[in-house]
Protein backbone atom coordinates (compact mmCIF):
# COMPACT_ATOMS: atom_id res chain seq x y z
CA MET A 1 -41.19 -57.73 39.85
CA SER A 2 -39.38 -55.50 37.40
CA SER A 3 -40.98 -52.87 35.30
CA SER A 4 -39.46 -52.28 31.91
CA ARG A 5 -39.85 -48.96 30.21
CA VAL A 6 -40.65 -49.21 26.55
CA PRO A 7 -39.89 -46.01 24.67
CA SER A 8 -42.65 -44.59 22.52
CA ALA A 9 -42.46 -45.06 18.76
CA GLY A 10 -40.98 -41.62 18.00
CA ALA A 11 -38.71 -41.33 21.05
CA PRO A 12 -34.93 -41.32 20.58
CA PRO A 13 -33.01 -44.27 22.04
CA ALA A 14 -31.86 -43.96 25.65
CA VAL A 15 -28.26 -44.61 24.67
CA SER A 16 -27.15 -42.39 21.83
CA PRO A 17 -23.71 -42.14 20.21
CA ALA A 18 -23.25 -38.71 21.80
CA ARG A 19 -23.86 -40.12 25.27
CA VAL A 20 -21.46 -43.01 24.66
CA LEU A 21 -18.80 -40.55 23.52
CA ALA A 22 -19.46 -38.37 26.57
CA GLY A 23 -18.99 -41.41 28.79
CA LEU A 24 -15.70 -42.19 27.10
CA CYS A 25 -14.59 -38.58 27.59
CA LEU A 26 -15.21 -38.97 31.30
CA LEU A 27 -13.56 -42.39 31.43
CA VAL A 28 -10.25 -41.47 29.74
CA PRO A 29 -8.77 -39.33 32.55
CA ILE A 30 -9.83 -41.88 35.18
CA VAL A 31 -8.23 -44.80 33.36
CA VAL A 32 -5.05 -42.85 32.61
CA MET A 33 -4.59 -41.81 36.24
CA LEU A 34 -5.32 -45.33 37.53
CA TRP A 35 -2.69 -46.79 35.18
CA VAL A 36 0.16 -45.87 37.55
CA PRO A 37 2.97 -47.91 35.89
CA SER A 38 2.70 -45.62 32.85
CA TYR A 39 3.96 -42.62 34.84
CA SER A 40 5.70 -44.13 37.87
CA LYS A 41 9.17 -42.84 36.95
CA THR A 42 11.34 -39.80 37.52
CA ALA A 43 12.71 -39.17 34.03
CA PRO A 44 12.26 -37.06 32.00
CA ALA A 45 12.32 -34.12 34.38
CA LEU A 46 10.74 -30.83 33.37
CA GLY A 47 12.24 -27.76 35.03
CA GLY A 48 13.67 -29.91 37.80
CA MET A 49 10.29 -31.53 38.49
CA PRO A 50 10.23 -35.33 38.15
CA PHE A 51 8.01 -36.83 35.46
CA PHE A 52 5.65 -38.34 38.05
CA TYR A 53 4.60 -34.90 39.29
CA TRP A 54 4.44 -32.86 36.10
CA TYR A 55 2.57 -35.62 34.29
CA GLN A 56 -0.12 -35.67 36.97
CA LEU A 57 -0.33 -31.86 36.94
CA LEU A 58 -0.64 -31.91 33.15
CA TRP A 59 -3.75 -34.06 33.47
CA VAL A 60 -5.59 -31.44 35.56
CA PRO A 61 -6.37 -29.14 32.57
CA VAL A 62 -6.61 -32.10 30.18
CA SER A 63 -9.27 -33.66 32.44
CA ALA A 64 -11.12 -30.34 32.48
CA LEU A 65 -11.14 -30.34 28.67
CA PHE A 66 -12.49 -33.90 28.55
CA THR A 67 -15.16 -33.03 31.13
CA GLY A 68 -16.15 -29.90 29.19
CA ALA A 69 -16.41 -31.90 25.98
CA ALA A 70 -18.63 -34.46 27.73
CA TYR A 71 -20.85 -31.67 29.05
CA LEU A 72 -21.25 -30.14 25.60
CA LEU A 73 -22.06 -33.52 24.04
CA VAL A 74 -24.75 -34.28 26.62
CA ARG A 75 -26.18 -30.77 26.38
CA ARG A 76 -26.43 -31.05 22.58
CA ASP A 77 -28.02 -34.50 22.90
CA GLU A 78 -30.57 -33.18 25.40
CA ALA A 79 -31.47 -30.33 23.05
CA ALA A 80 -31.98 -32.82 20.22
CA ARG A 81 -34.19 -34.97 22.48
CA ARG A 82 -36.31 -31.97 23.45
CA ALA A 83 -36.68 -31.03 19.78
CA VAL A 84 -37.82 -34.56 18.90
CA SER A 85 -40.27 -34.72 21.80
CA ALA A 86 -41.70 -31.31 20.86
CA GLY A 87 -42.10 -32.45 17.26
CA SER A 88 -39.93 -29.69 15.84
CA VAL A 89 -37.12 -31.67 14.28
CA PRO A 90 -34.86 -29.23 12.41
CA SER A 91 -34.83 -30.01 8.71
CA VAL A 92 -32.40 -29.15 5.95
CA PRO A 93 -33.86 -26.52 3.63
CA ALA A 94 -34.57 -27.88 0.17
CA GLN A 95 -32.85 -26.34 -2.84
CA ALA A 96 -34.95 -24.58 -5.41
CA GLU A 97 -35.59 -26.83 -8.41
CA GLY A 98 -34.58 -24.20 -10.94
CA ASP A 99 -31.28 -23.47 -9.19
CA GLY A 100 -29.21 -25.30 -11.86
CA LYS A 101 -26.05 -25.73 -9.73
């Protein structure tokens, strides 16, 4: 017997665009490193180091950037979810009617 969770009427969806983007940020370095034929070569060398090695080393900080971006996206999404559940959705301030701009 499976129990399905039905979100309440005002709850945000479980899968948001920010979470999808965070998942893609985490997936990119994995897919790139598993696609070995793309970097299984020796040329071009960089400072005497074959391409195979410096390309993999390049992906260490790049992966950290992708992971950091995913963390920030999820953290922002969680803050938005807490704001919605608390009922304090931030609103855009309205312009004064006599502003004339």
